[in-house]
Amino acid sequence: MGNALDVLVDGESVTEALLLERTPEGEQLIYSGRGSLRALHEVLLSIVRDFGYAEYCIVCFPDKKYAAIRLSPEKHLILAMDKEVPAERYIAMILEFFERLRSMPGEGMTSPASP
């Protein structure tokens, strides 16, 4: 999964990515992109903790936009995006991509966040 996320972090539309898994012991960082900051992890960890049943959450700041996407009940993908990127359309494309991977015959993914 790491290589797929490296491709997703193109440096233009998506500048950072984190993949978090919730376990009984707490949250575990599965993937951290090249430019991912510890501060990003801490700030968005609070979003994941209070995510509820939402499929995704978009947080906008003056210079950056963050999207937290539920991939499964335990796994969340967090992206730092250029503020000009239409986040909801981008998220829809990402979710569609993971759905296609899940439906692949043979060695398709059983979970979109499988390592």
PDB file of N, CA and C in Angstrom:
ATOM      1  N   MET A   1       0.824  -1.195   0.000  1.00  0.00           N
ATOM      2  CA  MET A   1       0.000   0.000   0.000  1.00  0.00           C
ATOM      3  C   MET A   1       0.863   1.251   0.000  1.00  0.00           C
ATOM      4  N   GLY A   2       2.052   1.156   0.611  1.00  0.00           N
ATOM      5  CA  GLY A   2       2.937   2.309   0.681  1.00  0.00           C
ATOM      6  C   GLY A   2       3.262   2.877  -0.679  1.00  0.00           C
ATOM      7  N   ASN A   3       3.583   2.024  -1.657  1.00  0.00           N
ATOM      8  CA  ASN A   3       3.918   2.512  -2.992  1.00  0.00           C
ATOM      9  C   ASN A   3       2.740   3.214  -3.643  1.00  0.00           C
ATOM     10  N   ALA A   4       1.529   2.690  -3.455  1.00  0.00           N
ATOM     11  CA  ALA A   4       0.340   3.335  -4.019  1.00  0.00           C
ATOM     12  C   ALA A   4       0.150   4.714  -3.401  1.00  0.00           C
ATOM     13  N   LEU A   5       0.408   4.845  -2.122  1.00  0.00           N
ATOM     14  CA  LEU A   5       0.267   6.147  -1.476  1.00  0.00           C
ATOM     15  C   LEU A   5       1.380   7.093  -1.897  1.00  0.00           C
ATOM     16  N   ASP A   6       2.587   6.563  -2.166  1.00  0.00           N
ATOM     17  CA  ASP A   6       3.662   7.412  -2.681  1.00  0.00           C
ATOM     18  C   ASP A   6       3.253   8.036  -4.006  1.00  0.00           C
ATOM     19  N   VAL A   7       2.539   7.288  -4.847  1.00  0.00           N
ATOM     20  CA  VAL A   7       2.058   7.811  -6.127  1.00  0.00           C
ATOM     21  C   VAL A   7       0.980   8.859  -5.897  1.00  0.00           C
ATOM     22  N   LEU A   8       0.119   8.630  -4.926  1.00  0.00           N
ATOM     23  CA  LEU A   8      -0.957   9.567  -4.614  1.00  0.00           C
ATOM     24  C   LEU A   8      -0.415  10.920  -4.162  1.00  0.00           C
ATOM     25  N   VAL A   9       0.698  10.908  -3.435  1.00  0.00           N
ATOM     26  CA  VAL A   9       1.320  12.144  -2.958  1.00  0.00           C
ATOM     27  C   VAL A   9       2.179  12.690  -4.095  1.00  0.00           C
ATOM     28  N   ASP A  10       1.552  13.454  -4.967  1.00  0.00           N
ATOM     29  CA  ASP A  10       2.234  13.933  -6.174  1.00  0.00           C
ATOM     30  C   ASP A  10       2.982  15.243  -5.972  1.00  0.00           C
ATOM     31  N   GLY A  11       2.823  15.865  -4.815  1.00  0.00           N
ATOM     32  CA  GLY A  11       3.509  17.124  -4.547  1.00  0.00           C
ATOM     33  C   GLY A  11       2.767  18.343  -5.058  1.00  0.00           C
ATOM     34  N   GLU A  12       1.740  18.129  -5.851  1.00  0.00           N
ATOM     35  CA  GLU A  12       0.947  19.244  -6.379  1.00  0.00           C
ATOM     36  C   GLU A  12      -0.455  19.229  -5.780  1.00  0.00           C
ATOM     37  N   SER A  13      -1.261  18.241  -6.171  1.00  0.00           N
ATOM     38  CA  SER A  13      -2.616  18.143  -5.617  1.00  0.00           C
ATOM     39  C   SER A  13      -2.572  17.671  -4.169  1.00  0.00           C
ATOM     40  N   VAL A  14      -1.802  16.631  -3.919  1.00  0.00           N
ATOM     41  CA  VAL A  14      -1.654  16.071  -2.576  1.00  0.00           C
ATOM     42  C   VAL A  14      -0.196  16.212  -2.166  1.00  0.00           C
ATOM     43  N   THR A  15       0.037  16.901  -1.053  1.00  0.00           N
ATOM     44  CA  THR A  15       1.414  17.164  -0.631  1.00  0.00           C
ATOM     45  C   THR A  15       1.876  16.269   0.513  1.00  0.00           C
ATOM     46  N   GLU A  16       0.950  15.707   1.273  1.00  0.00           N
ATOM     47  CA  GLU A  16       1.286  14.847   2.402  1.00  0.00           C
ATOM     48  C   GLU A  16       0.200  13.800   2.554  1.00  0.00           C
ATOM     49  N   ALA A  17       0.558  12.654   3.132  1.00  0.00           N
ATOM     50  CA  ALA A  17      -0.434  11.618   3.402  1.00  0.00           C
ATOM     51  C   ALA A  17      -0.043  10.840   4.649  1.00  0.00           C
ATOM     52  N   LEU A  18      -1.056  10.459   5.395  1.00  0.00           N
ATOM     53  CA  LEU A  18      -0.884   9.595   6.559  1.00  0.00           C
ATOM     54  C   LEU A  18      -1.958   8.521   6.495  1.00  0.00           C
ATOM     55  N   LEU A  19      -1.609   7.299   6.861  1.00  0.00           N
ATOM     56  CA  LEU A  19      -2.579   6.221   6.973  1.00  0.00           C
ATOM     57  C   LEU A  19      -2.551   5.752   8.419  1.00  0.00           C
ATOM     58  N   LEU A  20      -3.683   5.885   9.094  1.00  0.00           N
ATOM     59  CA  LEU A  20      -3.793   5.531  10.511  1.00  0.00           C
ATOM     60  C   LEU A  20      -4.688   4.321  10.680  1.00  0.00           C
ATOM     61  N   GLU A  21      -4.331   3.459  11.623  1.00  0.00           N
ATOM     62  CA  GLU A  21      -5.177   2.330  11.979  1.00  0.00           C
ATOM     63  C   GLU A  21      -5.502   2.422  13.458  1.00  0.00           C
ATOM     64  N   ARG A  22      -6.780   2.300  13.769  1.00  0.00           N
ATOM     65  CA  ARG A  22      -7.218   2.299  15.173  1.00  0.00           C
ATOM     66  C   ARG A  22      -7.162   0.866  15.683  1.00  0.00           C
ATOM     67  N   THR A  23      -6.493   0.675  16.793  1.00  0.00           N
ATOM     68  CA  THR A  23      -6.386  -0.635  17.428  1.00  0.00           C
ATOM     69  C   THR A  23      -6.881  -0.491  18.864  1.00  0.00           C
ATOM     70  N   PRO A  24      -7.103  -1.602  19.560  1.00  0.00           N
ATOM     71  CA  PRO A  24      -7.512  -1.486  20.964  1.00  0.00           C
ATOM     72  C   PRO A  24      -6.498  -0.714  21.814  1.00  0.00           C
ATOM     73  N   GLU A  25      -5.238  -0.723  21.393  1.00  0.00           N
ATOM     74  CA  GLU A  25      -4.198  -0.010  22.138  1.00  0.00           C
ATOM     75  C   GLU A  25      -4.130   1.469  21.778  1.00  0.00           C
ATOM     76  N   GLY A  26      -4.815   1.891  20.724  1.00  0.00           N
ATOM     77  CA  GLY A  26      -4.774   3.281  20.275  1.00  0.00           C
ATOM     78  C   GLY A  26      -4.549   3.356  18.774  1.00  0.00           C
ATOM     79  N   GLU A  27      -4.168   4.516  18.284  1.00  0.00           N
ATOM     80  CA  GLU A  27      -3.947   4.702  16.860  1.00  0.00           C
ATOM     81  C   GLU A  27      -2.514   4.349  16.498  1.00  0.00           C
ATOM     82  N   GLN A  28      -2.358   3.671  15.346  1.00  0.00           N
ATOM     83  CA  GLN A  28      -1.040   3.290  14.863  1.00  0.00           C
ATOM     84  C   GLN A  28      -0.833   3.919  13.495  1.00  0.00           C
ATOM     85  N   LEU A  29       0.305   4.553  13.293  1.00  0.00           N
ATOM     86  CA  LEU A  29       0.646   5.154  12.014  1.00  0.00           C
ATOM     87  C   LEU A  29       1.185   4.058  11.105  1.00  0.00           C
ATOM     88  N   ILE A  30       0.465   3.756  10.001  1.00  0.00           N
ATOM     89  CA  ILE A  30       0.863   2.715   9.067  1.00  0.00           C
ATOM     90  C   ILE A  30       1.729   3.293   7.958  1.00  0.00           C
ATOM     91  N   TYR A  31       1.386   4.481   7.492  1.00  0.00           N
ATOM     92  CA  TYR A  31       2.122   5.117   6.397  1.00  0.00           C
ATOM     93  C   TYR A  31       2.264   6.597   6.690  1.00  0.00           C
ATOM     94  N   SER A  32       3.437   7.108   6.417  1.00  0.00           N
ATOM     95  CA  SER A  32       3.691   8.537   6.523  1.00  0.00           C
ATOM     96  C   SER A  32       4.455   8.942   5.278  1.00  0.00           C
ATOM     97  N   GLY A  33       3.870   9.821   4.486  1.00  0.00           N
ATOM     98  CA  GLY A  33       4.500  10.252   3.239  1.00  0.00           C
ATOM     99  C   GLY A  33       5.769  11.038   3.471  1.00  0.00           C
ATOM    100  N   ARG A  34       6.430  11.335   2.372  1.00  0.00           N
ATOM    101  CA  ARG A  34       7.722  12.017   2.420  1.00  0.00           C
ATOM    102  C   ARG A  34       7.697  13.290   3.249  1.00  0.00           C
ATOM    103  N   GLY A  35       6.698  14.128   3.057  1.00  0.00           N
ATOM    104  CA  GLY A  35       6.695  15.422   3.732  1.00  0.00           C
ATOM    105  C   GLY A  35       5.801  15.488   4.950  1.00  0.00           C
ATOM    106  N   SER A  36       5.311  14.355   5.416  1.00  0.00           N
ATOM    107  CA  SER A  36       4.342  14.365   6.509  1.00  0.00           C
ATOM    108  C   SER A  36       4.970  14.846   7.804  1.00  0.00           C
ATOM    109  N   LEU A  37       4.298  15.768   8.427  1.00  0.00           N
ATOM    110  CA  LEU A  37       4.786  16.377   9.652  1.00  0.00           C
ATOM    111  C   LEU A  37       4.111  15.760  10.864  1.00  0.00           C
ATOM    112  N   ARG A  38       4.830  15.710  11.952  1.00  0.00           N
ATOM    113  CA  ARG A  38       4.269  15.205  13.205  1.00  0.00           C
ATOM    114  C   ARG A  38       3.070  16.060  13.629  1.00  0.00           C
ATOM    115  N   ALA A  39       3.156  17.360  13.373  1.00  0.00           N
ATOM    116  CA  ALA A  39       2.045  18.253  13.723  1.00  0.00           C
ATOM    117  C   ALA A  39       0.781  17.856  12.970  1.00  0.00           C
ATOM    118  N   LEU A  40       0.917  17.493  11.680  1.00  0.00           N
ATOM    119  CA  LEU A  40      -0.236  17.039  10.889  1.00  0.00           C
ATOM    120  C   LEU A  40      -0.845  15.809  11.542  1.00  0.00           C
ATOM    121  N   HIS A  41      -0.010  14.896  11.964  1.00  0.00           N
ATOM    122  CA  HIS A  41      -0.474  13.680  12.618  1.00  0.00           C
ATOM    123  C   HIS A  41      -1.266  14.010  13.876  1.00  0.00           C
ATOM    124  N   GLU A  42      -0.742  14.877  14.710  1.00  0.00           N
ATOM    125  CA  GLU A  42      -1.404  15.211  15.970  1.00  0.00           C
ATOM    126  C   GLU A  42      -2.721  15.954  15.763  1.00  0.00           C
ATOM    127  N   VAL A  43      -2.729  16.918  14.858  1.00  0.00           N
ATOM    128  CA  VAL A  43      -3.945  17.703  14.621  1.00  0.00           C
ATOM    129  C   VAL A  43      -5.049  16.822  14.049  1.00  0.00           C
ATOM    130  N   LEU A  44      -4.706  16.030  13.047  1.00  0.00           N
ATOM    131  CA  LEU A  44      -5.740  15.239  12.388  1.00  0.00           C
ATOM    132  C   LEU A  44      -6.097  13.972  13.143  1.00  0.00           C
ATOM    133  N   LEU A  45      -5.263  13.569  14.086  1.00  0.00           N
ATOM    134  CA  LEU A  45      -5.606  12.442  14.938  1.00  0.00           C
ATOM    135  C   LEU A  45      -6.876  12.743  15.721  1.00  0.00           C
ATOM    136  N   SER A  46      -7.036  13.987  16.113  1.00  0.00           N
ATOM    137  CA  SER A  46      -8.246  14.367  16.844  1.00  0.00           C
ATOM    138  C   SER A  46      -9.483  14.246  15.958  1.00  0.00           C
ATOM    139  N   ILE A  47      -9.340  14.511  14.657  1.00  0.00           N
ATOM    140  CA  ILE A  47     -10.467  14.341  13.734  1.00  0.00           C
ATOM    141  C   ILE A  47     -10.853  12.876  13.656  1.00  0.00           C
ATOM    142  N   VAL A  48      -9.857  12.005  13.515  1.00  0.00           N
ATOM    143  CA  VAL A  48     -10.117  10.574  13.398  1.00  0.00           C
ATOM    144  C   VAL A  48     -10.782  10.038  14.661  1.00  0.00           C
ATOM    145  N   ARG A  49     -10.347  10.505  15.805  1.00  0.00           N
ATOM    146  CA  ARG A  49     -10.932  10.036  17.069  1.00  0.00           C
ATOM    147  C   ARG A  49     -12.413  10.376  17.156  1.00  0.00           C
ATOM    148  N   ASP A  50     -12.808  11.499  16.598  1.00  0.00           N
ATOM    149  CA  ASP A  50     -14.194  11.947  16.665  1.00  0.00           C
ATOM    150  C   ASP A  50     -14.910  11.805  15.326  1.00  0.00           C
ATOM    151  N   PHE A  51     -14.436  10.916  14.484  1.00  0.00           N
ATOM    152  CA  PHE A  51     -14.939  10.773  13.122  1.00  0.00           C
ATOM    153  C   PHE A  51     -16.396  10.326  13.064  1.00  0.00           C
ATOM    154  N   GLY A  52     -16.830   9.582  14.058  1.00  0.00           N
ATOM    155  CA  GLY A  52     -18.203   9.095  14.046  1.00  0.00           C
ATOM    156  C   GLY A  52     -18.435   8.167  12.869  1.00  0.00           C
ATOM    157  N   TYR A  53     -19.534   8.354  12.171  1.00  0.00           N
ATOM    158  CA  TYR A  53     -19.872   7.499  11.041  1.00  0.00           C
ATOM    159  C   TYR A  53     -19.613   8.169   9.700  1.00  0.00           C
ATOM    160  N   ALA A  54     -18.950   9.295   9.702  1.00  0.00           N
ATOM    161  CA  ALA A  54     -18.688  10.025   8.457  1.00  0.00           C
ATOM    162  C   ALA A  54     -17.737   9.244   7.557  1.00  0.00           C
ATOM    163  N   GLU A  55     -17.981   9.300   6.239  1.00  0.00           N
ATOM    164  CA  GLU A  55     -17.075   8.673   5.274  1.00  0.00           C
ATOM    165  C   GLU A  55     -15.818   9.498   5.099  1.00  0.00           C
ATOM    166  N   TYR A  56     -15.973  10.810   5.180  1.00  0.00           N
ATOM    167  CA  TYR A  56     -14.815  11.688   5.038  1.00  0.00           C
ATOM    168  C   TYR A  56     -15.084  13.009   5.738  1.00  0.00           C
ATOM    169  N   CYS A  57     -13.997  13.735   5.946  1.00  0.00           N
ATOM    170  CA  CYS A  57     -14.076  15.044   6.581  1.00  0.00           C
ATOM    171  C   CYS A  57     -13.061  15.945   5.889  1.00  0.00           C
ATOM    172  N   ILE A  58     -13.460  17.167   5.564  1.00  0.00           N
ATOM    173  CA  ILE A  58     -12.557  18.123   4.933  1.00  0.00           C
ATOM    174  C   ILE A  58     -12.377  19.297   5.887  1.00  0.00           C
ATOM    175  N   VAL A  59     -11.116  19.635   6.146  1.00  0.00           N
ATOM    176  CA  VAL A  59     -10.785  20.755   7.019  1.00  0.00           C
ATOM    177  C   VAL A  59      -9.988  21.747   6.191  1.00  0.00           C
ATOM    178  N   CYS A  60     -10.462  22.996   6.144  1.00  0.00           N
ATOM    179  CA  CYS A  60      -9.802  24.017   5.323  1.00  0.00           C
ATOM    180  C   CYS A  60      -9.165  25.089   6.199  1.00  0.00           C
ATOM    181  N   PHE A  61      -7.925  25.408   5.864  1.00  0.00           N
ATOM    182  CA  PHE A  61      -7.202  26.519   6.465  1.00  0.00           C
ATOM    183  C   PHE A  61      -6.890  27.503   5.348  1.00  0.00           C
ATOM    184  N   PRO A  62      -6.446  28.713   5.650  1.00  0.00           N
ATOM    185  CA  PRO A  62      -6.183  29.693   4.591  1.00  0.00           C
ATOM    186  C   PRO A  62      -5.196  29.214   3.521  1.00  0.00           C
ATOM    187  N   ASP A  63      -4.216  28.400   3.903  1.00  0.00           N
ATOM    188  CA  ASP A  63      -3.194  28.003   2.931  1.00  0.00           C
ATOM    189  C   ASP A  63      -3.215  26.529   2.557  1.00  0.00           C
ATOM    190  N   LYS A  64      -4.028  25.710   3.205  1.00  0.00           N
ATOM    191  CA  LYS A  64      -4.029  24.281   2.943  1.00  0.00           C
ATOM    192  C   LYS A  64      -5.379  23.667   3.271  1.00  0.00           C
ATOM    193  N   LYS A  65      -5.626  22.515   2.684  1.00  0.00           N
ATOM    194  CA  LYS A  65      -6.869  21.786   2.893  1.00  0.00           C
ATOM    195  C   LYS A  65      -6.494  20.357   3.279  1.00  0.00           C
ATOM    196  N   TYR A  66      -7.177  19.804   4.277  1.00  0.00           N
ATOM    197  CA  TYR A  66      -6.921  18.437   4.712  1.00  0.00           C
ATOM    198  C   TYR A  66      -8.185  17.617   4.512  1.00  0.00           C
ATOM    199  N   ALA A  67      -8.007  16.370   4.073  1.00  0.00           N
ATOM    200  CA  ALA A  67      -9.126  15.453   3.909  1.00  0.00           C
ATOM    201  C   ALA A  67      -8.823  14.178   4.679  1.00  0.00           C
ATOM    202  N   ALA A  68      -9.727  13.779   5.542  1.00  0.00           N
ATOM    203  CA  ALA A  68      -9.623  12.513   6.265  1.00  0.00           C
ATOM    204  C   ALA A  68     -10.687  11.594   5.678  1.00  0.00           C
ATOM    205  N   ILE A  69     -10.270  10.427   5.204  1.00  0.00           N
ATOM    206  CA  ILE A  69     -11.162   9.494   4.513  1.00  0.00           C
ATOM    207  C   ILE A  69     -11.194   8.179   5.278  1.00  0.00           C
ATOM    208  N   ARG A  70     -12.398   7.698   5.583  1.00  0.00           N
ATOM    209  CA  ARG A  70     -12.553   6.396   6.239  1.00  0.00           C
ATOM    210  C   ARG A  70     -12.440   5.317   5.159  1.00  0.00           C
ATOM    211  N   LEU A  71     -11.394   4.475   5.260  1.00  0.00           N
ATOM    212  CA  LEU A  71     -11.230   3.364   4.333  1.00  0.00           C
ATOM    213  C   LEU A  71     -11.885   2.102   4.868  1.00  0.00           C
ATOM    214  N   SER A  72     -11.930   1.981   6.166  1.00  0.00           N
ATOM    215  CA  SER A  72     -12.595   0.880   6.856  1.00  0.00           C
ATOM    216  C   SER A  72     -12.889   1.394   8.264  1.00  0.00           C
ATOM    217  N   PRO A  73     -13.611   0.628   9.071  1.00  0.00           N
ATOM    218  CA  PRO A  73     -13.865   1.120  10.429  1.00  0.00           C
ATOM    219  C   PRO A  73     -12.585   1.387  11.228  1.00  0.00           C
ATOM    220  N   GLU A  74     -11.502   0.695  10.881  1.00  0.00           N
ATOM    221  CA  GLU A  74     -10.258   0.852  11.629  1.00  0.00           C
ATOM    222  C   GLU A  74      -9.231   1.737  10.942  1.00  0.00           C
ATOM    223  N   LYS A  75      -9.347   1.951   9.636  1.00  0.00           N
ATOM    224  CA  LYS A  75      -8.284   2.638   8.898  1.00  0.00           C
ATOM    225  C   LYS A  75      -8.771   3.933   8.268  1.00  0.00           C
ATOM    226  N   HIS A  76      -7.939   4.970   8.400  1.00  0.00           N
ATOM    227  CA  HIS A  76      -8.256   6.295   7.865  1.00  0.00           C
ATOM    228  C   HIS A  76      -7.062   6.823   7.096  1.00  0.00           C
ATOM    229  N   LEU A  77      -7.322   7.364   5.925  1.00  0.00           N
ATOM    230  CA  LEU A  77      -6.302   7.996   5.105  1.00  0.00           C
ATOM    231  C   LEU A  77      -6.462   9.499   5.258  1.00  0.00           C
ATOM    232  N   ILE A  78      -5.370  10.177   5.570  1.00  0.00           N
ATOM    233  CA  ILE A  78      -5.416  11.620   5.767  1.00  0.00           C
ATOM    234  C   ILE A  78      -4.505  12.270   4.740  1.00  0.00           C
ATOM    235  N   LEU A  79      -5.048  13.208   3.967  1.00  0.00           N
ATOM    236  CA  LEU A  79      -4.302  13.863   2.900  1.00  0.00           C
ATOM    237  C   LEU A  79      -4.225  15.360   3.140  1.00  0.00           C
ATOM    238  N   ALA A  80      -3.061  15.932   2.885  1.00  0.00           N
ATOM    239  CA  ALA A  80      -2.916  17.389   2.844  1.00  0.00           C
ATOM    240  C   ALA A  80      -2.984  17.761   1.371  1.00  0.00           C
ATOM    241  N   MET A  81      -3.913  18.637   1.020  1.00  0.00           N
ATOM    242  CA  MET A  81      -4.168  18.946  -0.382  1.00  0.00           C
ATOM    243  C   MET A  81      -3.962  20.426  -0.662  1.00  0.00           C
ATOM    244  N   ASP A  82      -3.663  20.725  -1.911  1.00  0.00           N
ATOM    245  CA  ASP A  82      -3.623  22.113  -2.352  1.00  0.00           C
ATOM    246  C   ASP A  82      -5.016  22.691  -2.160  1.00  0.00           C
ATOM    247  N   LYS A  83      -5.095  23.923  -1.700  1.00  0.00           N
ATOM    248  CA  LYS A  83      -6.414  24.496  -1.384  1.00  0.00           C
ATOM    249  C   LYS A  83      -7.289  24.689  -2.615  1.00  0.00           C
ATOM    250  N   GLU A  84      -6.711  24.679  -3.808  1.00  0.00           N
ATOM    251  CA  GLU A  84      -7.484  24.855  -5.037  1.00  0.00           C
ATOM    252  C   GLU A  84      -8.077  23.547  -5.561  1.00  0.00           C
ATOM    253  N   VAL A  85      -7.655  22.416  -5.028  1.00  0.00           N
ATOM    254  CA  VAL A  85      -8.151  21.116  -5.476  1.00  0.00           C
ATOM    255  C   VAL A  85      -9.593  20.948  -5.003  1.00  0.00           C
ATOM    256  N   PRO A  86     -10.508  20.557  -5.907  1.00  0.00           N
ATOM    257  CA  PRO A  86     -11.894  20.304  -5.484  1.00  0.00           C
ATOM    258  C   PRO A  86     -11.940  19.008  -4.660  1.00  0.00           C
ATOM    259  N   ALA A  87     -11.835  19.136  -3.359  1.00  0.00           N
ATOM    260  CA  ALA A  87     -11.616  17.997  -2.468  1.00  0.00           C
ATOM    261  C   ALA A  87     -12.693  16.925  -2.567  1.00  0.00           C
ATOM    262  N   GLU A  88     -13.954  17.311  -2.627  1.00  0.00           N
ATOM    263  CA  GLU A  88     -15.009  16.290  -2.654  1.00  0.00           C
ATOM    264  C   GLU A  88     -14.942  15.451  -3.921  1.00  0.00           C
ATOM    265  N   ARG A  89     -14.659  16.067  -5.046  1.00  0.00           N
ATOM    266  CA  ARG A  89     -14.531  15.310  -6.297  1.00  0.00           C
ATOM    267  C   ARG A  89     -13.305  14.394  -6.231  1.00  0.00           C
ATOM    268  N   TYR A  90     -12.213  14.894  -5.677  1.00  0.00           N
ATOM    269  CA  TYR A  90     -10.983  14.117  -5.535  1.00  0.00           C
ATOM    270  C   TYR A  90     -11.221  12.908  -4.623  1.00  0.00           C
ATOM    271  N   ILE A  91     -11.912  13.124  -3.517  1.00  0.00           N
ATOM    272  CA  ILE A  91     -12.223  12.036  -2.593  1.00  0.00           C
ATOM    273  C   ILE A  91     -13.098  10.990  -3.272  1.00  0.00           C
ATOM    274  N   ALA A  92     -14.080  11.409  -4.048  1.00  0.00           N
ATOM    275  CA  ALA A  92     -14.940  10.466  -4.768  1.00  0.00           C
ATOM    276  C   ALA A  92     -14.110   9.589  -5.698  1.00  0.00           C
ATOM    277  N   MET A  93     -13.121  10.174  -6.370  1.00  0.00           N
ATOM    278  CA  MET A  93     -12.256   9.394  -7.261  1.00  0.00           C
ATOM    279  C   MET A  93     -11.421   8.391  -6.463  1.00  0.00           C
ATOM    280  N   ILE A  94     -10.910   8.798  -5.303  1.00  0.00           N
ATOM    281  CA  ILE A  94     -10.115   7.896  -4.473  1.00  0.00           C
ATOM    282  C   ILE A  94     -10.970   6.728  -3.988  1.00  0.00           C
ATOM    283  N   LEU A  95     -12.177   7.008  -3.510  1.00  0.00           N
ATOM    284  CA  LEU A  95     -13.064   5.949  -3.030  1.00  0.00           C
ATOM    285  C   LEU A  95     -13.446   4.997  -4.157  1.00  0.00           C
ATOM    286  N   GLU A  96     -13.683   5.534  -5.350  1.00  0.00           N
ATOM    287  CA  GLU A  96     -13.991   4.689  -6.506  1.00  0.00           C
ATOM    288  C   GLU A  96     -12.801   3.795  -6.847  1.00  0.00           C
ATOM    289  N   PHE A  97     -11.586   4.340  -6.783  1.00  0.00           N
ATOM    290  CA  PHE A  97     -10.379   3.565  -7.049  1.00  0.00           C
ATOM    291  C   PHE A  97     -10.268   2.392  -6.079  1.00  0.00           C
ATOM    292  N   PHE A  98     -10.462   2.648  -4.774  1.00  0.00           N
ATOM    293  CA  PHE A  98     -10.374   1.575  -3.794  1.00  0.00           C
ATOM    294  C   PHE A  98     -11.479   0.544  -4.001  1.00  0.00           C
ATOM    295  N   GLU A  99     -12.662   0.973  -4.397  1.00  0.00           N
ATOM    296  CA  GLU A  99     -13.755   0.039  -4.668  1.00  0.00           C
ATOM    297  C   GLU A  99     -13.405  -0.868  -5.847  1.00  0.00           C
ATOM    298  N   ARG A 100     -12.798  -0.310  -6.880  1.00  0.00           N
ATOM    299  CA  ARG A 100     -12.366  -1.127  -8.024  1.00  0.00           C
ATOM    300  C   ARG A 100     -11.311  -2.141  -7.600  1.00  0.00           C
ATOM    301  N   LEU A 101     -10.373  -1.733  -6.751  1.00  0.00           N
ATOM    302  CA  LEU A 101      -9.363  -2.676  -6.265  1.00  0.00           C
ATOM    303  C   LEU A 101     -10.010  -3.816  -5.495  1.00  0.00           C
ATOM    304  N   ARG A 102     -10.994  -3.495  -4.674  1.00  0.00           N
ATOM    305  CA  ARG A 102     -11.690  -4.513  -3.892  1.00  0.00           C
ATOM    306  C   ARG A 102     -12.401  -5.522  -4.780  1.00  0.00           C
ATOM    307  N   SER A 103     -12.924  -5.073  -5.915  1.00  0.00           N
ATOM    308  CA  SER A 103     -13.714  -5.953  -6.771  1.00  0.00           C
ATOM    309  C   SER A 103     -12.877  -6.714  -7.796  1.00  0.00           C
ATOM    310  N   MET A 104     -11.558  -6.528  -7.791  1.00  0.00           N
ATOM    311  CA  MET A 104     -10.700  -7.234  -8.741  1.00  0.00           C
ATOM    312  C   MET A 104     -10.696  -8.725  -8.437  1.00  0.00           C
ATOM    313  N   PRO A 105     -10.785  -9.557  -9.501  1.00  0.00           N
ATOM    314  CA  PRO A 105     -10.739 -11.004  -9.276  1.00  0.00           C
ATOM    315  C   PRO A 105      -9.327 -11.444  -8.891  1.00  0.00           C
ATOM    316  N   GLY A 106      -9.242 -12.609  -8.312  1.00  0.00           N
ATOM    317  CA  GLY A 106      -7.925 -13.153  -7.980  1.00  0.00           C
ATOM    318  C   GLY A 106      -7.332 -12.501  -6.762  1.00  0.00           C
ATOM    319  N   GLU A 107      -6.262 -11.756  -6.967  1.00  0.00           N
ATOM    320  CA  GLU A 107      -5.535 -11.173  -5.849  1.00  0.00           C
ATOM    321  C   GLU A 107      -5.978  -9.755  -5.542  1.00  0.00           C
ATOM    322  N   GLY A 108      -7.239  -9.431  -5.804  1.00  0.00           N
ATOM    323  CA  GLY A 108      -7.748  -8.110  -5.460  1.00  0.00           C
ATOM    324  C   GLY A 108      -7.679  -7.882  -3.965  1.00  0.00           C
ATOM    325  N   MET A 109      -7.777  -6.658  -3.576  1.00  0.00           N
ATOM    326  CA  MET A 109      -7.671  -6.315  -2.160  1.00  0.00           C
ATOM    327  C   MET A 109      -8.940  -6.704  -1.424  1.00  0.00           C
ATOM    328  N   THR A 110      -8.788  -7.217  -0.230  1.00  0.00           N
ATOM    329  CA  THR A 110      -9.960  -7.490   0.598  1.00  0.00           C
ATOM    330  C   THR A 110     -10.344  -6.266   1.407  1.00  0.00           C
ATOM    331  N   SER A 111      -9.386  -5.400   1.638  1.00  0.00           N
ATOM    332  CA  SER A 111      -9.623  -4.153   2.359  1.00  0.00           C
ATOM    333  C   SER A 111      -8.819  -3.075   1.674  1.00  0.00           C
ATOM    334  N   PRO A 112      -9.380  -1.883   1.448  1.00  0.00           N
ATOM    335  CA  PRO A 112      -8.642  -0.856   0.723  1.00  0.00           C
ATOM    336  C   PRO A 112      -7.386  -0.407   1.429  1.00  0.00           C
ATOM    337  N   ALA A 113      -7.259  -0.686   2.688  1.00  0.00           N
ATOM    338  CA  ALA A 113      -6.081  -0.229   3.418  1.00  0.00           C
ATOM    339  C   ALA A 113      -5.121  -1.370   3.735  1.00  0.00           C
ATOM    340  N   SER A 114      -5.233  -2.488   3.000  1.00  0.00           N
ATOM    341  CA  SER A 114      -4.302  -3.586   3.237  1.00  0.00           C
ATOM    342  C   SER A 114      -2.897  -3.152   2.899  1.00  0.00           C
ATOM    343  N   PRO A 115      -1.932  -3.504   3.737  1.00  0.00           N
ATOM    344  CA  PRO A 115      -0.543  -3.108   3.457  1.00  0.00           C
ATOM    345  C   PRO A 115       0.009  -3.837   2.260  1.00  0.00           C
TER     346      PRO A 115
END
